[in-house]
Amino acid sequence: MPDPSSQPDAAATAQPETVALFISDLHLQPALPRTTQAFLDFLQNRATGTRQLYLLGDLFEAWAGDDDLATPFNRGIVDAIRRVADAGVALFWIAGNRDFLVGADFAAAAGLRLLPDPYIATFDRRQIVLCHGDTLCTDDLGYMEFRAQVRQPAWQQAFLALPLARRKALIAEMRDGSRAEQQKKSAEIMDVNPCAVADLFTASGTEVMIHGHTHRPARHQSATGGQVRYVLPDWDCDATPARGGWIALDASGTLRRFDIDGSELP
């Protein structure tokens, strides 16, 4: 019989409790069923084991308005998120460039809280500034002009007054136009601007930032080592190889990056 004293202490080897999870850029849509299933699995197997879940934008490929909640696909996603909330997890949402029309009805149905962009989240051991990430891409002047327009309350009110089918058609047209424009832009223009990142660090007074949007997952540390910027991955499990993942904050205050298969990244 093995000597019990030689066996590892379960309490000593156990991982610290997960305090918060962060994800973004899933671009959920019926055309990507494996990505959708991966998200549902994440909610059931990962999110229910944390205290807080932060959805940092572009959860949906497009959101035409909260009157689209009855669509079966949307309803299924919202109901799955609601089950996490009902399990006692606090849920938070920052709008992305694809789903900025999410509103109070969606929040109530999903059981989550809508946050401004940026938002400073306070945990026991640290503060983290959160954003979707598109406001950091200031070199993309065309997009920044478009963003300023569609985030105006008057524009949104007029747009949401249109019939739902018309809104969906216009969104499809805008997406096609956006893809065409992106082909003309350099990768550098569509990435974050270092000055915009530095300004957000200064304005927030934090040393840690988490965002998505750029689809360039990484951990960036400042030259002095004092500031760290985490970029979340986009999800596409219908592609080969599948991609996606999340960031976890544990009770020790450590941030860890995970791939879509659950393996930890450097």
Protein backbone atom coordinates (compact mmCIF):
# COMPACT_ATOMS: atom_id res chain seq x y z
CA MET A 1 0.00 0.00 0.00
CA PRO A 2 1.40 3.45 -0.88
CA ASP A 3 2.60 5.57 2.01
CA PRO A 4 -0.01 8.33 2.46
CA SER A 5 2.74 10.72 3.45
CA SER A 6 4.28 10.34 -0.02
CA GLN A 7 1.10 11.41 -1.81
CA PRO A 8 0.70 15.08 -2.84
CA ASP A 9 -1.49 17.22 -0.63
CA ALA A 10 -4.65 17.94 -2.64
CA ALA A 11 -5.13 21.30 -0.92
CA ALA A 12 -1.54 22.30 -1.72
CA THR A 13 -1.69 21.26 -5.38
CA ALA A 14 -5.18 22.56 -6.14
CA GLN A 15 -5.41 25.56 -8.44
CA PRO A 16 -6.64 28.83 -6.87
CA GLU A 17 -10.31 29.60 -7.31
CA THR A 18 -11.23 31.33 -10.56
CA VAL A 19 -12.54 34.80 -9.81
CA ALA A 20 -13.35 36.03 -13.31
CA LEU A 21 -13.31 34.92 -16.94
CA PHE A 22 -12.96 37.23 -19.96
CA ILE A 23 -13.95 36.45 -23.55
CA SER A 24 -14.75 38.39 -26.71
CA ASP A 25 -15.15 38.17 -30.48
CA LEU A 26 -17.11 34.96 -30.82
CA HIS A 27 -19.10 36.36 -33.76
CA LEU A 28 -21.87 33.84 -33.11
CA GLN A 29 -24.14 33.08 -36.04
CA PRO A 30 -26.14 30.08 -37.32
CA ALA A 31 -23.57 29.55 -40.09
CA LEU A 32 -20.94 28.58 -37.46
CA PRO A 33 -22.55 25.72 -35.50
CA ARG A 34 -19.29 24.36 -34.03
CA THR A 35 -18.34 27.77 -32.71
CA THR A 36 -21.79 28.11 -31.18
CA GLN A 37 -21.50 24.70 -29.53
CA ALA A 38 -18.04 25.56 -28.20
CA PHE A 39 -19.49 28.66 -26.57
CA LEU A 40 -22.36 26.70 -25.05
CA ASP A 41 -19.85 24.16 -23.70
CA PHE A 42 -17.76 27.00 -22.29
CA LEU A 43 -20.76 28.42 -20.48
CA GLN A 44 -21.71 25.08 -18.97
CA ASN A 45 -18.27 23.72 -18.15
CA ARG A 46 -16.19 26.85 -17.46
CA ALA A 47 -18.36 29.88 -16.74
CA THR A 48 -20.45 28.23 -14.05
CA GLY A 49 -17.26 27.65 -12.06
CA THR A 50 -16.31 31.30 -11.73
CA ARG A 51 -17.66 34.28 -9.80
CA GLN A 52 -17.81 36.73 -12.70
CA LEU A 53 -17.93 36.51 -16.50
CA TYR A 54 -17.05 39.46 -18.71
CA LEU A 55 -18.26 39.46 -22.34
CA LEU A 56 -16.14 42.11 -24.04
CA GLY A 57 -17.97 42.62 -27.30
CA ASP A 58 -18.79 41.00 -30.63
CA LEU A 59 -20.45 38.04 -29.00
CA PHE A 60 -22.71 38.09 -32.06
CA GLU A 61 -21.71 38.59 -35.67
CA ALA A 62 -24.46 41.19 -35.78
CA TRP A 63 -27.24 42.47 -33.54
CA ALA A 64 -30.08 44.35 -35.21
CA GLY A 65 -31.90 45.29 -32.01
CA ASP A 66 -33.45 43.75 -28.94
CA ASP A 67 -36.67 43.05 -30.83
CA ASP A 68 -34.69 40.22 -32.47
CA LEU A 69 -34.58 38.31 -29.17
CA ALA A 70 -37.34 35.98 -30.35
CA THR A 71 -35.27 34.57 -33.21
CA PRO A 72 -34.61 30.93 -32.21
CA PHE A 73 -30.82 31.19 -32.55
CA ASN A 74 -30.63 34.38 -30.49
CA ARG A 75 -33.07 33.02 -27.93
CA GLY A 76 -30.97 29.91 -27.46
CA ILE A 77 -27.83 31.94 -26.81
CA VAL A 78 -29.56 34.29 -24.39
CA ASP A 79 -31.16 31.42 -22.49
CA ALA A 80 -27.76 29.72 -22.14
CA ILE A 81 -26.24 32.92 -20.75
CA ARG A 82 -29.19 33.29 -18.39
CA ARG A 83 -28.56 29.82 -16.96
CA VAL A 84 -25.07 30.97 -15.96
CA ALA A 85 -26.54 34.03 -14.24
CA ASP A 86 -29.12 31.85 -12.49
CA ALA A 87 -26.25 29.68 -11.22
CA GLY A 88 -24.99 32.69 -9.28
CA VAL A 89 -22.35 34.07 -11.65
CA ALA A 90 -22.26 37.86 -12.10
CA LEU A 91 -22.31 38.69 -15.82
CA PHE A 92 -21.05 41.86 -17.48
CA TRP A 93 -21.17 43.11 -21.07
CA ILE A 94 -19.17 45.66 -23.04
CA ALA A 95 -20.50 46.28 -26.54
CA GLY A 96 -18.43 45.49 -29.61
CA ASN A 97 -18.48 46.99 -33.06
CA ARG A 98 -20.87 44.24 -34.24
CA ASP A 99 -23.36 44.19 -31.36
CA PHE A 100 -23.41 47.75 -30.01
CA LEU A 101 -27.21 47.81 -30.37
CA VAL A 102 -27.64 45.39 -27.48
CA GLY A 103 -29.87 47.14 -24.98
CA ALA A 104 -31.80 46.89 -21.75
CA ASP A 105 -34.18 44.16 -22.93
CA PHE A 106 -31.28 41.90 -23.87
CA ALA A 107 -29.56 42.61 -20.56
CA ALA A 108 -32.69 41.75 -18.60
CA ALA A 109 -33.28 38.55 -20.54
CA ALA A 110 -29.66 37.38 -20.20
CA GLY A 111 -29.31 38.48 -16.58
CA LEU A 112 -26.29 40.67 -17.17
CA ARG A 113 -25.14 44.23 -16.58
CA LEU A 114 -24.22 46.58 -19.42
CA LEU A 115 -20.92 48.39 -18.86
CA PRO A 116 -19.46 51.51 -20.47
CA ASP A 117 -16.39 51.29 -22.66
CA PRO A 118 -13.83 51.56 -21.12
CA TYR A 119 -14.59 50.18 -17.67
CA ILE A 120 -12.32 49.75 -14.65
CA ALA A 121 -13.08 46.45 -12.92
CA THR A 122 -11.94 46.23 -9.31
CA PHE A 123 -10.95 42.92 -7.79
CA ASP A 124 -9.48 42.09 -4.40
CA ARG A 125 -5.88 42.31 -5.54
CA ARG A 126 -5.95 44.60 -8.56
CA GLN A 127 -7.80 46.89 -10.93
CA ILE A 128 -8.10 46.05 -14.64
CA VAL A 129 -9.24 48.39 -17.39
CA LEU A 130 -11.54 46.59 -19.83
CA CYS A 131 -12.66 47.63 -23.30
CA HIS A 132 -13.69 46.04 -26.57
CA GLY A 133 -10.58 47.43 -28.25
CA ASP A 134 -11.92 49.27 -31.27
CA THR A 135 -11.45 52.68 -29.63
CA LEU A 136 -7.72 51.95 -29.52
CA CYS A 137 -7.48 51.59 -33.32
CA THR A 138 -7.24 55.34 -33.89
CA ASP A 139 -5.15 55.04 -37.06
CA ASP A 140 -8.20 53.63 -38.85
CA LEU A 141 -9.75 57.03 -39.46
CA GLY A 142 -12.59 55.73 -41.61
CA TYR A 143 -13.73 53.30 -38.93
CA MET A 144 -13.40 55.86 -36.14
CA GLU A 145 -15.65 58.24 -38.09
CA PHE A 146 -18.19 55.47 -38.67
CA ARG A 147 -18.07 54.48 -35.00
CA ALA A 148 -18.71 58.04 -33.85
CA GLN A 149 -21.77 58.19 -36.10
CA VAL A 150 -23.44 54.92 -35.13
CA ARG A 151 -22.86 55.41 -31.40
CA GLN A 152 -24.92 58.62 -31.40
CA PRO A 153 -28.30 58.14 -29.65
CA ALA A 154 -30.13 59.96 -32.46
CA TRP A 155 -28.66 57.65 -35.12
CA GLN A 156 -29.51 54.56 -33.11
CA GLN A 157 -33.05 55.75 -32.43
CA ALA A 158 -33.65 56.34 -36.14
CA PHE A 159 -32.10 53.02 -37.11
CA LEU A 160 -34.08 51.02 -34.54
CA ALA A 161 -37.29 52.64 -35.80
CA LEU A 162 -36.83 50.82 -39.12
CA PRO A 163 -38.48 47.42 -39.65
CA LEU A 164 -36.33 44.55 -38.37
CA ALA A 165 -35.93 42.98 -41.81
CA ARG A 166 -34.73 46.30 -43.22
CA ARG A 167 -32.22 46.69 -40.40
CA LYS A 168 -30.82 43.22 -41.05
CA ALA A 169 -30.45 43.99 -44.73
CA LEU A 170 -28.63 47.24 -44.00
CA ILE A 171 -26.32 45.50 -41.54
CA ALA A 172 -25.46 42.89 -44.18
CA GLU A 173 -24.65 45.69 -46.62
CA MET A 174 -22.46 47.42 -44.05
CA ARG A 175 -20.61 44.18 -43.30
CA ASP A 176 -19.92 43.64 -47.01
CA GLY A 177 -18.65 47.20 -47.28
CA SER A 178 -16.48 46.77 -44.23
CA ARG A 179 -14.86 43.62 -45.64
CA ALA A 180 -14.09 45.42 -48.88
CA GLU A 181 -12.55 48.34 -47.02
CA GLN A 182 -10.43 46.08 -44.82
CA GLN A 183 -8.79 44.57 -47.89
CA LYS A 184 -7.46 48.02 -48.74
CA LYS A 185 -6.05 48.70 -45.26
CA SER A 186 -2.72 47.64 -43.87
CA ALA A 187 -2.54 45.37 -40.83
CA GLU A 188 -0.90 48.19 -38.89
CA ILE A 189 -3.80 50.57 -39.46
CA MET A 190 -6.29 48.04 -38.12
CA ASP A 191 -4.22 47.32 -35.00
CA VAL A 192 -4.15 49.39 -31.82
CA ASN A 193 -2.31 52.68 -31.72
CA PRO A 194 0.44 52.70 -29.05
CA CYS A 195 -0.40 56.25 -28.01
CA ALA A 196 -4.08 55.34 -27.57
CA VAL A 197 -3.05 52.41 -25.38
CA ALA A 198 -0.74 54.62 -23.30
CA ASP A 199 -3.47 57.25 -22.94
CA LEU A 200 -5.95 54.67 -21.64
CA PHE A 201 -3.44 53.36 -19.13
CA THR A 202 -2.84 56.91 -17.93
CA ALA A 203 -6.51 57.89 -17.80
CA SER A 204 -7.53 54.71 -15.96
CA GLY A 205 -4.60 54.69 -13.55
CA THR A 206 -4.31 50.94 -13.99
CA GLU A 207 -1.42 48.70 -14.96
CA VAL A 208 -3.41 45.89 -16.60
CA MET A 209 -5.65 46.08 -19.67
CA ILE A 210 -7.79 43.40 -21.35
CA HIS A 211 -9.45 43.87 -24.73
CA GLY A 212 -10.38 42.06 -27.92
CA HIS A 213 -11.36 43.32 -31.37
CA THR A 214 -8.03 42.96 -33.20
CA HIS A 215 -8.09 39.13 -33.33
CA ARG A 216 -4.40 39.16 -32.40
CA PRO A 217 -4.25 37.27 -29.08
CA ALA A 218 -1.15 38.11 -27.10
CA ARG A 219 0.32 39.34 -23.84
CA HIS A 220 2.13 42.65 -24.29
CA GLN A 221 4.38 43.97 -21.52
CA SER A 222 5.73 47.51 -21.45
CA ALA A 223 9.44 48.09 -21.70
CA THR A 224 9.58 48.91 -17.99
CA GLY A 225 7.48 45.87 -17.11
CA GLY A 226 4.97 47.95 -15.22
CA GLN A 227 2.04 47.68 -17.61
CA VAL A 228 0.58 44.58 -19.24
CA ARG A 229 -1.97 44.46 -22.07
CA TYR A 230 -3.82 41.24 -22.80
CA VAL A 231 -5.52 40.76 -26.18
CA LEU A 232 -8.30 38.19 -26.33
CA PRO A 233 -8.62 35.79 -29.28
CA ASP A 234 -11.52 35.60 -31.66
CA TRP A 235 -13.39 32.28 -31.86
CA ASP A 236 -13.87 30.14 -34.96
CA CYS A 237 -14.24 26.45 -34.26
CA ASP A 238 -15.66 25.85 -37.73
CA ALA A 239 -12.23 26.63 -39.18
CA THR A 240 -9.21 24.31 -39.25
CA PRO A 241 -7.45 24.59 -36.92
CA ALA A 242 -10.09 25.79 -34.49
CA ARG A 243 -9.27 28.96 -32.62
CA GLY A 244 -10.57 30.70 -29.55
CA GLY A 245 -9.92 30.93 -25.85
CA TRP A 246 -10.26 33.04 -22.76
CA ILE A 247 -8.43 34.76 -19.93
CA ALA A 248 -8.93 33.76 -16.30
CA LEU A 249 -8.22 35.73 -13.14
CA ASP A 250 -7.68 33.55 -10.08
CA ALA A 251 -7.94 34.33 -6.39
CA SER A 252 -4.19 34.92 -6.12
CA GLY A 253 -4.52 37.82 -8.58
CA THR A 254 -2.84 35.93 -11.42
CA LEU A 255 -4.11 36.28 -14.99
CA ARG A 256 -3.81 33.18 -17.18
CA ARG A 257 -4.46 32.71 -20.88
CA PHE A 258 -6.21 29.59 -22.18
CA ASP A 259 -6.59 28.16 -25.67
CA ILE A 260 -9.90 26.88 -27.00
CA ASP A 261 -8.98 23.33 -25.94
CA GLY A 262 -8.48 24.41 -22.33
CA SER A 263 -4.69 24.24 -22.41
CA GLU A 264 -2.86 27.11 -20.71
CA LEU A 265 -0.81 29.48 -22.88
CA PRO A 266 2.39 31.29 -21.95
